[in-house]
Amino acid sequence: MGVMDADEPVERVFMALCEGRLTRDDLTARKIAAFLGQTTMVLYHHFGSLDGFLIRVDGLGWRRLAERLDARARAGAGARSLAVGYVEFALCHPDLYWLMAERRFDRARLREQGRLRLARPLWSSFVELLRHHGSRRPEEDTYVLFAGLHGIAMLALSGRANLGEVSSREIPSVLAFPNLGGTSAGTPAGAPGTPLNPGEDPNLGEGSAPEDPNLGEGSAANPGEGPVRDAEVAFAAARRLADLVLPARPPEPPASQASRDRGGPGRRA
């Protein structure tokens, strides 16, 4: 494998995690190399270490999530829709999300090796989304929103979202999951870890998104009654969190009123 082909294994593993063909248990040097039909040297030669390889896959995940939320925002979606979109992403791709938000990396070593160059630009893209939605403290609010949404997602993935046994009839059903390259699979995540690294950027890794790999809208693979209820509770909680972090902006005045306020033809002498 030549140097110019170094992105290919990253994209293949990324897509396999999206589609459920690989799980978090497969993210060892030996199993990844076997999946790629290579020796483990492919990881160490091009990426320095297993961490160096997986941080690239991690980065693709964060880039794709940022792109999906940005697309929603450009289409006019409000903060509630963006919050639900984050949780949807985690529920549809639990093993990819575990890599993105739960797996521990030796970040100090990766930083020394220059493998976290895209962490700040990726984080900034999320900050700008909140700034666009009216946040007066976008950096702080992004940390708060991410931490809360991560907790909501992990409760849902662990089957503990509906701790209060809320009736599903009390919560609107929103199960239009985004489908990153196929149906989701994989076992639920384990106990929640730390979604953000105190004192530094959140776990936004290296990498750029591959060419739009079958990013259609789909639904979770046969979720069943329990996961459906957990998802509904999680989405409701995500909307409420968005309301708390980003209070709704006042509605735009009618065109005629806006014209009068600007001193237009409708203004009386």
C-alpha atoms as a PDB file:
ATOM      1  CA  MET A   1       0.000   0.000   0.000  1.00  0.00           C
ATOM      2  CA  GLY A   2       1.507   3.283  -1.079  1.00  0.00           C
ATOM      3  CA  VAL A   3       1.530   6.522   0.827  1.00  0.00           C
ATOM      4  CA  MET A   4      -1.168   7.949  -1.452  1.00  0.00           C
ATOM      5  CA  ASP A   5      -3.473   5.101  -0.392  1.00  0.00           C
ATOM      6  CA  ALA A   6      -3.235   5.827   3.341  1.00  0.00           C
ATOM      7  CA  ASP A   7      -6.785   7.226   3.555  1.00  0.00           C
ATOM      8  CA  GLU A   8      -8.373   4.091   2.106  1.00  0.00           C
ATOM      9  CA  PRO A   9      -8.097   1.856   5.202  1.00  0.00           C
ATOM     10  CA  VAL A  10      -9.420   4.685   7.380  1.00  0.00           C
ATOM     11  CA  GLU A  11     -12.487   5.063   5.178  1.00  0.00           C
ATOM     12  CA  ARG A  12     -13.053   1.310   4.985  1.00  0.00           C
ATOM     13  CA  VAL A  13     -13.031   0.904   8.756  1.00  0.00           C
ATOM     14  CA  PHE A  14     -15.203   3.997   9.167  1.00  0.00           C
ATOM     15  CA  MET A  15     -17.838   2.614   6.806  1.00  0.00           C
ATOM     16  CA  ALA A  16     -17.675  -0.858   8.376  1.00  0.00           C
ATOM     17  CA  LEU A  17     -18.398   0.695  11.796  1.00  0.00           C
ATOM     18  CA  CYS A  18     -21.276   2.698  10.298  1.00  0.00           C
ATOM     19  CA  GLU A  19     -22.778  -0.393   8.724  1.00  0.00           C
ATOM     20  CA  GLY A  20     -22.231  -2.720  11.687  1.00  0.00           C
ATOM     21  CA  ARG A  21     -19.697  -4.934   9.914  1.00  0.00           C
ATOM     22  CA  LEU A  22     -17.185  -4.028  12.624  1.00  0.00           C
ATOM     23  CA  THR A  23     -17.885  -3.427  16.319  1.00  0.00           C
ATOM     24  CA  ARG A  24     -15.844  -1.869  19.100  1.00  0.00           C
ATOM     25  CA  ASP A  25     -14.523  -5.338  19.969  1.00  0.00           C
ATOM     26  CA  ASP A  26     -12.914  -5.480  16.535  1.00  0.00           C
ATOM     27  CA  LEU A  27     -10.879  -2.314  17.034  1.00  0.00           C
ATOM     28  CA  THR A  28      -7.573  -4.038  17.806  1.00  0.00           C
ATOM     29  CA  ALA A  29      -4.514  -3.861  15.577  1.00  0.00           C
ATOM     30  CA  ARG A  30      -4.738  -7.556  14.710  1.00  0.00           C
ATOM     31  CA  LYS A  31      -8.462  -7.588  13.900  1.00  0.00           C
ATOM     32  CA  ILE A  32      -8.319  -4.367  11.889  1.00  0.00           C
ATOM     33  CA  ALA A  33      -5.366  -5.649   9.886  1.00  0.00           C
ATOM     34  CA  ALA A  34      -7.229  -8.905   9.184  1.00  0.00           C
ATOM     35  CA  PHE A  35     -10.301  -6.958   8.072  1.00  0.00           C
ATOM     36  CA  LEU A  36      -8.134  -4.923   5.692  1.00  0.00           C
ATOM     37  CA  GLY A  37      -6.287  -8.000   4.421  1.00  0.00           C
ATOM     38  CA  GLN A  38      -2.984  -6.511   5.584  1.00  0.00           C
ATOM     39  CA  THR A  39      -0.460  -7.056   8.332  1.00  0.00           C
ATOM     40  CA  THR A  40      -0.419  -4.852  11.411  1.00  0.00           C
ATOM     41  CA  MET A  41       2.505  -2.979   9.865  1.00  0.00           C
ATOM     42  CA  VAL A  42       0.029  -1.065   7.698  1.00  0.00           C
ATOM     43  CA  LEU A  43      -1.150   0.700  10.867  1.00  0.00           C
ATOM     44  CA  TYR A  44       2.262   1.399  12.313  1.00  0.00           C
ATOM     45  CA  HIS A  45       3.924   2.401   9.035  1.00  0.00           C
ATOM     46  CA  HIS A  46       1.307   4.948   7.947  1.00  0.00           C
ATOM     47  CA  PHE A  47      -0.238   5.997  11.263  1.00  0.00           C
ATOM     48  CA  GLY A  48       2.441   5.400  13.890  1.00  0.00           C
ATOM     49  CA  SER A  49       0.225   3.352  16.201  1.00  0.00           C
ATOM     50  CA  LEU A  50      -3.241   1.910  16.636  1.00  0.00           C
ATOM     51  CA  ASP A  51      -4.233   5.184  18.295  1.00  0.00           C
ATOM     52  CA  GLY A  52      -2.895   7.077  15.290  1.00  0.00           C
ATOM     53  CA  PHE A  53      -5.121   5.038  13.007  1.00  0.00           C
ATOM     54  CA  LEU A  54      -8.261   5.121  15.141  1.00  0.00           C
ATOM     55  CA  ILE A  55      -8.049   8.871  15.754  1.00  0.00           C
ATOM     56  CA  ARG A  56      -8.404   9.256  11.989  1.00  0.00           C
ATOM     57  CA  VAL A  57     -11.547   7.098  12.018  1.00  0.00           C
ATOM     58  CA  ASP A  58     -12.760   9.085  15.024  1.00  0.00           C
ATOM     59  CA  GLY A  59     -12.207  12.285  13.049  1.00  0.00           C
ATOM     60  CA  LEU A  60     -14.299  11.028  10.152  1.00  0.00           C
ATOM     61  CA  GLY A  61     -17.138  10.408  12.581  1.00  0.00           C
ATOM     62  CA  TRP A  62     -17.013  13.911  14.037  1.00  0.00           C
ATOM     63  CA  ARG A  63     -16.683  15.441  10.575  1.00  0.00           C
ATOM     64  CA  ARG A  64     -19.700  13.541   9.316  1.00  0.00           C
ATOM     65  CA  LEU A  65     -21.770  14.498  12.375  1.00  0.00           C
ATOM     66  CA  ALA A  66     -20.782  18.156  11.933  1.00  0.00           C
ATOM     67  CA  GLU A  67     -21.764  18.019   8.257  1.00  0.00           C
ATOM     68  CA  ARG A  68     -25.163  16.487   9.026  1.00  0.00           C
ATOM     69  CA  LEU A  69     -25.970  19.085  11.685  1.00  0.00           C
ATOM     70  CA  ASP A  70     -24.740  21.907   9.458  1.00  0.00           C
ATOM     71  CA  ALA A  71     -26.963  20.648   6.631  1.00  0.00           C
ATOM     72  CA  ARG A  72     -29.945  20.690   9.002  1.00  0.00           C
ATOM     73  CA  ALA A  73     -29.105  24.217  10.113  1.00  0.00           C
ATOM     74  CA  ARG A  74     -28.783  25.428   6.514  1.00  0.00           C
ATOM     75  CA  ALA A  75     -32.196  23.918   5.795  1.00  0.00           C
ATOM     76  CA  GLY A  76     -33.651  26.073   8.577  1.00  0.00           C
ATOM     77  CA  ALA A  77     -33.694  23.547  11.437  1.00  0.00           C
ATOM     78  CA  GLY A  78     -33.820  24.944  14.943  1.00  0.00           C
ATOM     79  CA  ALA A  79     -31.694  24.058  17.956  1.00  0.00           C
ATOM     80  CA  ARG A  80     -34.139  21.305  18.971  1.00  0.00           C
ATOM     81  CA  SER A  81     -33.676  19.523  15.640  1.00  0.00           C
ATOM     82  CA  LEU A  82     -29.902  19.758  15.924  1.00  0.00           C
ATOM     83  CA  ALA A  83     -29.992  18.263  19.426  1.00  0.00           C
ATOM     84  CA  VAL A  84     -32.169  15.386  18.241  1.00  0.00           C
ATOM     85  CA  GLY A  85     -29.823  14.902  15.278  1.00  0.00           C
ATOM     86  CA  TYR A  86     -26.884  14.383  17.614  1.00  0.00           C
ATOM     87  CA  VAL A  87     -28.725  11.722  19.613  1.00  0.00           C
ATOM     88  CA  GLU A  88     -30.011  10.058  16.429  1.00  0.00           C
ATOM     89  CA  PHE A  89     -26.452   9.737  15.169  1.00  0.00           C
ATOM     90  CA  ALA A  90     -25.309   8.051  18.379  1.00  0.00           C
ATOM     91  CA  LEU A  91     -28.249   5.635  18.483  1.00  0.00           C
ATOM     92  CA  CYS A  92     -27.881   4.615  14.855  1.00  0.00           C
ATOM     93  CA  HIS A  93     -24.110   4.061  15.040  1.00  0.00           C
ATOM     94  CA  PRO A  94     -23.338   2.929  18.589  1.00  0.00           C
ATOM     95  CA  ASP A  95     -19.907   1.423  17.902  1.00  0.00           C
ATOM     96  CA  LEU A  96     -18.722   4.392  15.851  1.00  0.00           C
ATOM     97  CA  TYR A  97     -20.068   6.717  18.536  1.00  0.00           C
ATOM     98  CA  TRP A  98     -18.257   4.719  21.227  1.00  0.00           C
ATOM     99  CA  LEU A  99     -15.006   5.300  19.343  1.00  0.00           C
ATOM    100  CA  MET A 100     -15.791   8.997  18.976  1.00  0.00           C
ATOM    101  CA  ALA A 101     -16.903   9.746  22.526  1.00  0.00           C
ATOM    102  CA  GLU A 102     -15.902   6.902  24.840  1.00  0.00           C
ATOM    103  CA  ARG A 103     -12.629   5.245  23.803  1.00  0.00           C
ATOM    104  CA  ARG A 104      -9.575   6.605  25.587  1.00  0.00           C
ATOM    105  CA  PHE A 105      -6.716   7.884  23.420  1.00  0.00           C
ATOM    106  CA  ASP A 106      -3.194   8.867  24.430  1.00  0.00           C
ATOM    107  CA  ARG A 107      -3.940  12.404  23.343  1.00  0.00           C
ATOM    108  CA  ALA A 108      -0.692  13.867  24.673  1.00  0.00           C
ATOM    109  CA  ARG A 109       1.299  11.530  22.452  1.00  0.00           C
ATOM    110  CA  LEU A 110      -0.981  12.118  19.473  1.00  0.00           C
ATOM    111  CA  ARG A 111      -0.573  15.857  19.925  1.00  0.00           C
ATOM    112  CA  GLU A 112       3.212  15.510  20.018  1.00  0.00           C
ATOM    113  CA  GLN A 113       3.016  13.540  16.765  1.00  0.00           C
ATOM    114  CA  GLY A 114       0.900  16.252  15.140  1.00  0.00           C
ATOM    115  CA  ARG A 115      -2.092  13.947  14.720  1.00  0.00           C
ATOM    116  CA  LEU A 116      -4.688  16.285  16.253  1.00  0.00           C
ATOM    117  CA  ARG A 117      -4.434  19.076  13.699  1.00  0.00           C
ATOM    118  CA  LEU A 118      -8.119  18.982  12.798  1.00  0.00           C
ATOM    119  CA  ALA A 119      -9.443  18.844  16.356  1.00  0.00           C
ATOM    120  CA  ARG A 120      -9.752  22.611  16.767  1.00  0.00           C
ATOM    121  CA  PRO A 121     -11.302  23.292  13.318  1.00  0.00           C
ATOM    122  CA  LEU A 122     -13.881  20.551  13.912  1.00  0.00           C
ATOM    123  CA  TRP A 123     -14.721  21.869  17.360  1.00  0.00           C
ATOM    124  CA  SER A 124     -15.009  25.373  15.927  1.00  0.00           C
ATOM    125  CA  SER A 125     -17.588  24.159  13.415  1.00  0.00           C
ATOM    126  CA  PHE A 126     -19.848  23.039  16.273  1.00  0.00           C
ATOM    127  CA  VAL A 127     -19.262  26.318  18.115  1.00  0.00           C
ATOM    128  CA  GLU A 128     -20.292  28.251  15.012  1.00  0.00           C
ATOM    129  CA  LEU A 129     -23.528  26.268  14.814  1.00  0.00           C
ATOM    130  CA  LEU A 130     -24.482  27.442  18.297  1.00  0.00           C
ATOM    131  CA  ARG A 131     -23.379  30.982  17.527  1.00  0.00           C
ATOM    132  CA  HIS A 132     -25.695  30.878  14.513  1.00  0.00           C
ATOM    133  CA  HIS A 133     -28.544  29.820  16.783  1.00  0.00           C
ATOM    134  CA  GLY A 134     -28.140  32.822  19.031  1.00  0.00           C
ATOM    135  CA  SER A 135     -25.746  31.630  21.739  1.00  0.00           C
ATOM    136  CA  ARG A 136     -24.079  34.519  23.546  1.00  0.00           C
ATOM    137  CA  ARG A 137     -21.425  32.158  24.939  1.00  0.00           C
ATOM    138  CA  PRO A 138     -21.075  29.676  22.070  1.00  0.00           C
ATOM    139  CA  GLU A 139     -17.909  27.928  23.267  1.00  0.00           C
ATOM    140  CA  GLU A 140     -19.278  27.392  26.776  1.00  0.00           C
ATOM    141  CA  ASP A 141     -22.725  26.439  25.508  1.00  0.00           C
ATOM    142  CA  THR A 142     -21.222  23.915  23.087  1.00  0.00           C
ATOM    143  CA  TYR A 143     -19.497  22.119  25.971  1.00  0.00           C
ATOM    144  CA  VAL A 144     -22.709  22.124  27.993  1.00  0.00           C
ATOM    145  CA  LEU A 145     -24.853  20.897  25.105  1.00  0.00           C
ATOM    146  CA  PHE A 146     -22.365  18.186  24.097  1.00  0.00           C
ATOM    147  CA  ALA A 147     -22.035  16.927  27.649  1.00  0.00           C
ATOM    148  CA  GLY A 148     -25.788  16.765  28.099  1.00  0.00           C
ATOM    149  CA  LEU A 149     -26.490  15.144  24.735  1.00  0.00           C
ATOM    150  CA  HIS A 150     -23.738  12.603  25.340  1.00  0.00           C
ATOM    151  CA  GLY A 151     -25.323  11.656  28.649  1.00  0.00           C
ATOM    152  CA  ILE A 152     -28.743  11.332  27.026  1.00  0.00           C
ATOM    153  CA  ALA A 153     -27.334   9.194  24.217  1.00  0.00           C
ATOM    154  CA  MET A 154     -25.462   6.889  26.583  1.00  0.00           C
ATOM    155  CA  LEU A 155     -28.535   6.382  28.779  1.00  0.00           C
ATOM    156  CA  ALA A 156     -30.522   5.409  25.704  1.00  0.00           C
ATOM    157  CA  LEU A 157     -27.795   3.092  24.374  1.00  0.00           C
ATOM    158  CA  SER A 158     -27.554   1.356  27.741  1.00  0.00           C
ATOM    159  CA  GLY A 159     -31.332   0.859  27.892  1.00  0.00           C
ATOM    160  CA  ARG A 160     -31.686   3.225  30.842  1.00  0.00           C
ATOM    161  CA  ALA A 161     -33.152   6.299  29.189  1.00  0.00           C
ATOM    162  CA  ASN A 162     -36.660   5.663  30.484  1.00  0.00           C
ATOM    163  CA  LEU A 163     -35.764   5.554  34.174  1.00  0.00           C
ATOM    164  CA  GLY A 164     -39.063   7.169  35.133  1.00  0.00           C
ATOM    165  CA  GLU A 165     -41.095   4.730  33.018  1.00  0.00           C
ATOM    166  CA  VAL A 166     -42.593   7.585  31.029  1.00  0.00           C
ATOM    167  CA  SER A 167     -45.409   6.383  28.806  1.00  0.00           C
ATOM    168  CA  SER A 168     -44.506   6.485  25.137  1.00  0.00           C
ATOM    169  CA  ARG A 169     -47.943   8.039  24.537  1.00  0.00           C
ATOM    170  CA  GLU A 170     -46.777  11.164  26.373  1.00  0.00           C
ATOM    171  CA  ILE A 171     -43.853  11.745  24.007  1.00  0.00           C
ATOM    172  CA  PRO A 172     -44.057  12.490  20.271  1.00  0.00           C
ATOM    173  CA  SER A 173     -42.452   9.738  18.201  1.00  0.00           C
ATOM    174  CA  VAL A 174     -39.476  10.944  16.134  1.00  0.00           C
ATOM    175  CA  LEU A 175     -37.689   7.916  14.727  1.00  0.00           C
ATOM    176  CA  ALA A 176     -36.264   9.239  11.453  1.00  0.00           C
ATOM    177  CA  PHE A 177     -32.751   8.030  12.115  1.00  0.00           C
ATOM    178  CA  PRO A 178     -29.954   9.092   9.744  1.00  0.00           C
ATOM    179  CA  ASN A 179     -28.395   6.074   8.065  1.00  0.00           C
ATOM    180  CA  LEU A 180     -24.665   6.436   7.554  1.00  0.00           C
ATOM    181  CA  GLY A 181     -24.028   3.838   4.913  1.00  0.00           C
ATOM    182  CA  GLY A 182     -26.495   1.134   5.935  1.00  0.00           C
ATOM    183  CA  THR A 183     -28.425  -0.278   8.876  1.00  0.00           C
ATOM    184  CA  SER A 184     -26.964   0.055  12.318  1.00  0.00           C
ATOM    185  CA  ALA A 185     -25.802  -2.871  14.363  1.00  0.00           C
ATOM    186  CA  GLY A 186     -23.620  -3.604  17.330  1.00  0.00           C
ATOM    187  CA  THR A 187     -24.196  -4.124  21.007  1.00  0.00           C
ATOM    188  CA  PRO A 188     -25.321  -1.267  23.274  1.00  0.00           C
ATOM    189  CA  ALA A 189     -22.617   0.835  24.795  1.00  0.00           C
ATOM    190  CA  GLY A 190     -21.283   0.133  28.245  1.00  0.00           C
ATOM    191  CA  ALA A 191     -21.095   2.505  31.155  1.00  0.00           C
ATOM    192  CA  PRO A 192     -20.720   6.144  30.145  1.00  0.00           C
ATOM    193  CA  GLY A 193     -17.231   7.624  30.172  1.00  0.00           C
ATOM    194  CA  THR A 194     -16.064  11.217  29.866  1.00  0.00           C
ATOM    195  CA  PRO A 195     -17.362  12.811  26.657  1.00  0.00           C
ATOM    196  CA  LEU A 196     -15.019  15.778  26.809  1.00  0.00           C
ATOM    197  CA  ASN A 197     -11.423  16.099  27.895  1.00  0.00           C
ATOM    198  CA  PRO A 198     -11.249  18.820  30.564  1.00  0.00           C
ATOM    199  CA  GLY A 199      -8.836  21.555  29.619  1.00  0.00           C
ATOM    200  CA  GLU A 200      -8.609  20.624  25.960  1.00  0.00           C
ATOM    201  CA  ASP A 201     -10.735  20.039  22.903  1.00  0.00           C
ATOM    202  CA  PRO A 202     -13.380  17.316  22.939  1.00  0.00           C
ATOM    203  CA  ASN A 203     -12.370  14.044  21.331  1.00  0.00           C
ATOM    204  CA  LEU A 204     -12.404  15.363  17.769  1.00  0.00           C
ATOM    205  CA  GLY A 205      -9.813  13.443  15.830  1.00  0.00           C
ATOM    206  CA  GLU A 206      -7.924  13.665  12.599  1.00  0.00           C
ATOM    207  CA  GLY A 207      -9.311  12.925   9.171  1.00  0.00           C
ATOM    208  CA  SER A 208     -11.571  14.225   6.436  1.00  0.00           C
ATOM    209  CA  ALA A 209     -14.862  12.754   5.341  1.00  0.00           C
ATOM    210  CA  PRO A 210     -14.854  10.314   2.421  1.00  0.00           C
ATOM    211  CA  GLU A 211     -16.999  10.984  -0.610  1.00  0.00           C
ATOM    212  CA  ASP A 212     -20.635  10.906   0.536  1.00  0.00           C
ATOM    213  CA  PRO A 213     -20.913   7.142   1.248  1.00  0.00           C
ATOM    214  CA  ASN A 214     -24.592   6.324   0.834  1.00  0.00           C
ATOM    215  CA  LEU A 215     -25.829   8.845   3.367  1.00  0.00           C
ATOM    216  CA  GLY A 216     -29.546   8.363   3.014  1.00  0.00           C
ATOM    217  CA  GLU A 217     -32.237   8.571   5.633  1.00  0.00           C
ATOM    218  CA  GLY A 218     -33.228   5.262   7.166  1.00  0.00           C
ATOM    219  CA  SER A 219     -34.513   3.772  10.372  1.00  0.00           C
ATOM    220  CA  ALA A 220     -32.950   1.775  13.162  1.00  0.00           C
ATOM    221  CA  ALA A 221     -32.766  -1.937  12.442  1.00  0.00           C
ATOM    222  CA  ASN A 222     -35.882  -3.442  14.053  1.00  0.00           C
ATOM    223  CA  PRO A 223     -35.498  -1.511  17.304  1.00  0.00           C
ATOM    224  CA  GLY A 224     -38.282  -3.224  19.250  1.00  0.00           C
ATOM    225  CA  GLU A 225     -40.561  -1.734  21.872  1.00  0.00           C
ATOM    226  CA  GLY A 226     -37.903  -1.075  24.530  1.00  0.00           C
ATOM    227  CA  PRO A 227     -35.416   0.783  22.308  1.00  0.00           C
ATOM    228  CA  VAL A 228     -38.251   2.688  20.630  1.00  0.00           C
ATOM    229  CA  ARG A 229     -39.448   3.986  23.995  1.00  0.00           C
ATOM    230  CA  ASP A 230     -35.875   4.781  25.064  1.00  0.00           C
ATOM    231  CA  ALA A 231     -35.344   6.690  21.832  1.00  0.00           C
ATOM    232  CA  GLU A 232     -38.531   8.696  22.268  1.00  0.00           C
ATOM    233  CA  VAL A 233     -37.567   9.654  25.812  1.00  0.00           C
ATOM    234  CA  ALA A 234     -34.041  10.516  24.652  1.00  0.00           C
ATOM    235  CA  PHE A 235     -35.305  12.742  21.845  1.00  0.00           C
ATOM    236  CA  ALA A 236     -37.681  14.545  24.200  1.00  0.00           C
ATOM    237  CA  ALA A 237     -34.824  15.113  26.653  1.00  0.00           C
ATOM    238  CA  ALA A 238     -32.588  16.387  23.837  1.00  0.00           C
ATOM    239  CA  ARG A 239     -35.221  18.935  22.810  1.00  0.00           C
ATOM    240  CA  ARG A 240     -35.635  20.102  26.383  1.00  0.00           C
ATOM    241  CA  LEU A 241     -31.872  20.432  26.811  1.00  0.00           C
ATOM    242  CA  ALA A 242     -31.680  22.525  23.647  1.00  0.00           C
ATOM    243  CA  ASP A 243     -34.393  24.808  25.063  1.00  0.00           C
ATOM    244  CA  LEU A 244     -32.417  25.251  28.270  1.00  0.00           C
ATOM    245  CA  VAL A 245     -29.059  25.915  26.598  1.00  0.00           C
ATOM    246  CA  LEU A 246     -30.397  27.971  23.693  1.00  0.00           C
ATOM    247  CA  PRO A 247     -33.644  29.774  24.569  1.00  0.00           C
ATOM    248  CA  ALA A 248     -35.882  30.286  21.565  1.00  0.00           C
ATOM    249  CA  ARG A 249     -35.246  33.458  19.617  1.00  0.00           C
ATOM    250  CA  PRO A 250     -38.178  35.915  19.326  1.00  0.00           C
ATOM    251  CA  PRO A 251     -40.217  35.456  16.157  1.00  0.00           C
ATOM    252  CA  GLU A 252     -39.465  37.701  13.198  1.00  0.00           C
ATOM    253  CA  PRO A 253     -41.936  40.595  12.922  1.00  0.00           C
ATOM    254  CA  PRO A 254     -44.374  40.559   9.992  1.00  0.00           C
ATOM    255  CA  ALA A 255     -43.012  42.117   6.810  1.00  0.00           C
ATOM    256  CA  SER A 256     -45.358  45.114   7.065  1.00  0.00           C
ATOM    257  CA  GLN A 257     -44.296  45.784  10.665  1.00  0.00           C
ATOM    258  CA  ALA A 258     -40.621  45.429   9.786  1.00  0.00           C
ATOM    259  CA  SER A 259     -41.111  47.898   6.925  1.00  0.00           C
ATOM    260  CA  ARG A 260     -42.702  50.472   9.252  1.00  0.00           C
ATOM    261  CA  ASP A 261     -39.916  50.003  11.815  1.00  0.00           C
ATOM    262  CA  ARG A 262     -37.330  50.739   9.130  1.00  0.00           C
ATOM    263  CA  GLY A 263     -39.148  53.866   8.056  1.00  0.00           C
ATOM    264  CA  GLY A 264     -40.512  52.336   4.862  1.00  0.00           C
ATOM    265  CA  PRO A 265     -43.602  53.314   2.877  1.00  0.00           C
ATOM    266  CA  GLY A 266     -45.885  52.055   5.647  1.00  0.00           C
ATOM    267  CA  ARG A 267     -44.554  54.599   8.187  1.00  0.00           C
ATOM    268  CA  ARG A 268     -46.885  57.436   9.036  1.00  0.00           C
ATOM    269  CA  ALA A 269     -45.667  60.999   8.709  1.00  0.00           C
END
